[in-house]
Amino acid sequence: MKTLHVKDTLASRQSPPCLEPAAPLPKVWHALRKAGVNDLVVTSDGTPTGTLVGVLSAETLVERGLVETSAGVCLSPDRVASDVLIATPQPATEDSDLDWVLATMRELGVTALPLVQGGRLVGVVTETAVLQAVERRLRQGPQQLTSEDRVEDALEDALEDVEVGMANPLWANFMQLLSEAGI
């Protein structure tokens, strides 16, 4: 079976919400909530045409006690995005293997990676988009899967992370499909 790539997903090819490194955390928190996303792309000038700096995760803000989620309040108005962003070592491209994408997301503690084409930011690939691509492949039948599938190995690693599994409702459906496929 051919390895799945980002181009096999429904990753967003629209300009993602971006912020500049100097954005105050209350603005970051508001942008995350307004966009309904878990991760924002940080660029040098806060626009999709700026130089990619990294990703800022809502999970990071919560884990570091910088926001109070129940009240929806940022507790650190004096801090800025660059204080807590996660530098992206390499963004995803259309040809990135999904195993690499999942492993990178897990390593960085994010649920999205910037998607670039020709060095330009063109969108994001999310954990949800990756899971949907694998789900579609699983629905094609277990005969499509082989022990050589690097995506399967990456997913097994990702499944060890209980917090990630609980954070995405697709995991339950995905686990059922894996079980039905005998994996």
Protein backbone atom coordinates (compact mmCIF):
# COMPACT_ATOMS: atom_id res chain seq x y z
CA MET A 1 0.00 0.00 0.00
CA LYS A 2 1.20 3.47 -0.73
CA THR A 3 2.08 5.64 2.24
CA LEU A 4 -0.43 8.36 3.04
CA HIS A 5 0.69 11.96 2.57
CA VAL A 6 -0.70 15.35 3.51
CA LYS A 7 -2.14 15.67 0.00
CA ASP A 8 -4.37 12.66 0.87
CA THR A 9 -6.01 14.63 3.71
CA LEU A 10 -8.62 17.32 3.89
CA ALA A 11 -6.07 19.71 5.36
CA SER A 12 -7.11 23.33 5.09
CA ARG A 13 -5.62 25.08 2.09
CA GLN A 14 -6.94 28.43 3.28
CA SER A 15 -4.90 31.11 4.95
CA PRO A 16 -4.75 30.05 8.59
CA PRO A 17 -5.28 32.45 11.46
CA CYS A 18 -1.88 34.01 12.21
CA LEU A 19 -0.48 36.19 14.96
CA GLU A 20 2.76 38.10 15.37
CA PRO A 21 5.29 37.08 18.05
CA ALA A 22 4.60 40.30 20.01
CA ALA A 23 0.85 39.59 20.33
CA PRO A 24 -0.21 39.81 23.99
CA LEU A 25 -1.56 36.55 25.39
CA PRO A 26 -5.09 37.95 25.91
CA LYS A 27 -5.17 38.64 22.15
CA VAL A 28 -3.83 35.13 21.48
CA TRP A 29 -6.48 33.53 23.70
CA HIS A 30 -9.22 35.60 22.08
CA ALA A 31 -7.99 34.66 18.57
CA LEU A 32 -7.95 30.94 19.47
CA ARG A 33 -11.50 31.08 20.81
CA LYS A 34 -12.81 33.26 17.96
CA ALA A 35 -11.32 30.99 15.27
CA GLY A 36 -12.47 27.84 17.10
CA VAL A 37 -9.05 26.23 16.76
CA ASN A 38 -6.56 24.68 19.15
CA ASP A 39 -3.43 26.03 17.48
CA LEU A 40 -2.46 29.29 15.79
CA VAL A 41 0.39 29.90 13.37
CA VAL A 42 2.85 32.57 14.47
CA THR A 43 4.59 34.51 11.68
CA SER A 44 7.04 37.39 11.78
CA ASP A 45 4.36 39.95 10.93
CA GLY A 46 1.17 38.11 11.94
CA THR A 47 0.09 37.47 8.35
CA PRO A 48 0.21 34.34 6.17
CA THR A 49 2.88 36.03 4.03
CA GLY A 50 5.22 36.58 6.99
CA THR A 51 8.13 34.31 7.88
CA LEU A 52 6.99 31.24 9.81
CA VAL A 53 8.06 31.43 13.45
CA GLY A 54 6.10 28.58 15.04
CA VAL A 55 2.79 27.38 16.43
CA LEU A 56 1.01 28.47 19.57
CA SER A 57 -1.18 25.84 21.23
CA ALA A 58 -4.15 26.42 23.52
CA GLU A 59 -3.01 23.32 25.38
CA THR A 60 0.33 24.99 26.13
CA LEU A 61 -1.43 28.04 27.56
CA VAL A 62 -3.63 25.87 29.77
CA GLU A 63 -0.81 23.55 30.91
CA ARG A 64 1.36 26.51 31.90
CA GLY A 65 -1.50 28.07 33.88
CA LEU A 66 -1.61 31.13 31.64
CA VAL A 67 -5.36 30.94 31.05
CA GLU A 68 -8.37 29.92 33.10
CA THR A 69 -10.51 27.90 30.72
CA SER A 70 -13.67 27.77 32.81
CA ALA A 71 -13.77 31.56 33.03
CA GLY A 72 -12.20 32.06 29.60
CA VAL A 73 -9.70 34.50 31.08
CA CYS A 74 -6.04 35.01 30.28
CA LEU A 75 -4.10 35.17 33.55
CA SER A 76 -0.91 36.64 32.06
CA PRO A 77 -1.71 39.87 30.21
CA ASP A 78 1.93 40.95 30.34
CA ARG A 79 3.21 37.91 28.38
CA VAL A 80 3.35 37.69 24.58
CA ALA A 81 3.09 34.92 21.98
CA SER A 82 6.86 34.58 21.60
CA ASP A 83 7.10 33.69 25.31
CA VAL A 84 5.15 30.47 24.81
CA LEU A 85 5.17 29.59 21.12
CA ILE A 86 6.47 26.24 19.93
CA ALA A 87 9.13 26.71 17.27
CA THR A 88 8.30 24.60 14.25
CA PRO A 89 11.43 22.78 13.10
CA GLN A 90 9.94 21.97 9.70
CA PRO A 91 6.43 22.70 8.41
CA ALA A 92 4.41 20.10 6.55
CA THR A 93 4.23 20.03 2.76
CA GLU A 94 1.79 18.26 0.43
CA ASP A 95 4.31 15.41 0.15
CA SER A 96 4.96 14.99 3.89
CA ASP A 97 4.25 11.46 5.11
CA LEU A 98 1.43 11.37 7.63
CA ASP A 99 3.59 9.29 9.96
CA TRP A 100 6.05 12.19 10.12
CA VAL A 101 3.20 14.69 10.59
CA LEU A 102 1.73 12.75 13.54
CA ALA A 103 5.12 12.16 15.12
CA THR A 104 6.00 15.85 14.80
CA MET A 105 2.67 16.94 16.27
CA ARG A 106 3.11 14.58 19.17
CA GLU A 107 6.70 15.68 19.77
CA LEU A 108 5.74 19.37 19.74
CA GLY A 109 2.49 18.90 21.69
CA VAL A 110 0.32 20.51 19.01
CA THR A 111 -2.69 19.38 17.01
CA ALA A 112 -1.81 21.27 13.83
CA LEU A 113 1.22 22.01 11.69
CA PRO A 114 1.68 24.82 9.20
CA LEU A 115 1.30 23.68 5.58
CA VAL A 116 3.70 25.32 3.12
CA GLN A 117 4.08 25.17 -0.62
CA GLY A 118 7.08 26.72 -2.35
CA GLY A 119 8.15 28.23 0.97
CA ARG A 120 4.78 30.01 1.32
CA LEU A 121 2.24 29.35 4.08
CA VAL A 122 -0.85 27.94 2.37
CA GLY A 123 -2.80 26.38 5.24
CA VAL A 124 -2.61 23.94 8.13
CA VAL A 125 -2.79 20.19 8.51
CA THR A 126 -4.62 19.13 11.66
CA GLU A 127 -4.70 15.96 13.68
CA THR A 128 -8.37 15.66 12.68
CA ALA A 129 -7.51 15.82 8.95
CA VAL A 130 -4.88 13.08 9.42
CA LEU A 131 -7.32 10.86 11.30
CA GLN A 132 -9.99 11.36 8.63
CA ALA A 133 -7.54 10.34 5.87
CA VAL A 134 -6.58 7.18 7.75
CA GLU A 135 -10.24 6.47 8.51
CA ARG A 136 -11.07 6.69 4.80
CA ARG A 137 -8.23 4.26 4.05
CA LEU A 138 -9.43 1.87 6.76
CA ARG A 139 -12.95 1.95 5.33
CA GLN A 140 -11.48 0.70 2.05
CA GLY A 141 -10.83 -2.54 3.90
CA PRO A 142 -8.17 -4.16 6.06
CA GLN A 143 -6.54 -5.67 2.96
CA GLN A 144 -5.28 -2.16 2.23
CA LEU A 145 -3.08 -2.28 5.32
CA THR A 146 0.28 -4.02 5.53
CA SER A 147 2.88 -4.37 8.25
CA GLU A 148 5.03 -1.94 6.26
CA ASP A 149 2.63 0.96 6.78
CA ARG A 150 4.59 3.69 8.51
CA VAL A 151 1.33 5.55 9.20
CA GLU A 152 0.11 2.59 11.25
CA ASP A 153 3.30 2.70 13.33
CA ALA A 154 2.93 6.44 13.91
CA LEU A 155 -0.70 6.01 14.90
CA GLU A 156 0.18 3.27 17.37
CA ASP A 157 2.69 5.67 18.95
CA ALA A 158 0.10 8.44 19.00
CA LEU A 159 -2.49 6.16 20.57
CA GLU A 160 -0.18 5.71 23.56
CA ASP A 161 -0.80 9.37 24.37
CA VAL A 162 -4.10 9.16 26.25
CA GLU A 163 -4.51 12.94 26.48
CA VAL A 164 -4.41 13.28 22.69
CA GLY A 165 -6.89 10.45 22.31
CA MET A 166 -9.31 12.05 24.72
CA ALA A 167 -8.94 15.47 23.12
CA ASN A 168 -10.21 14.38 19.69
CA PRO A 169 -13.63 12.70 19.36
CA LEU A 170 -12.49 11.04 16.12
CA TRP A 171 -10.19 8.78 18.14
CA ALA A 172 -13.10 6.65 19.42
CA ASN A 173 -14.40 6.09 15.88
CA PHE A 174 -10.86 5.49 14.69
CA MET A 175 -10.20 2.92 17.44
CA GLN A 176 -13.38 1.07 16.49
CA LEU A 177 -12.26 0.93 12.84
CA LEU A 178 -8.84 -0.38 13.87
CA SER A 179 -10.52 -3.06 15.95
CA GLU A 180 -12.82 -4.05 13.11
CA ALA A 181 -9.81 -4.25 10.80
CA GLY A 182 -8.08 -6.58 13.23
CA ILE A 183 -5.24 -4.20 13.95
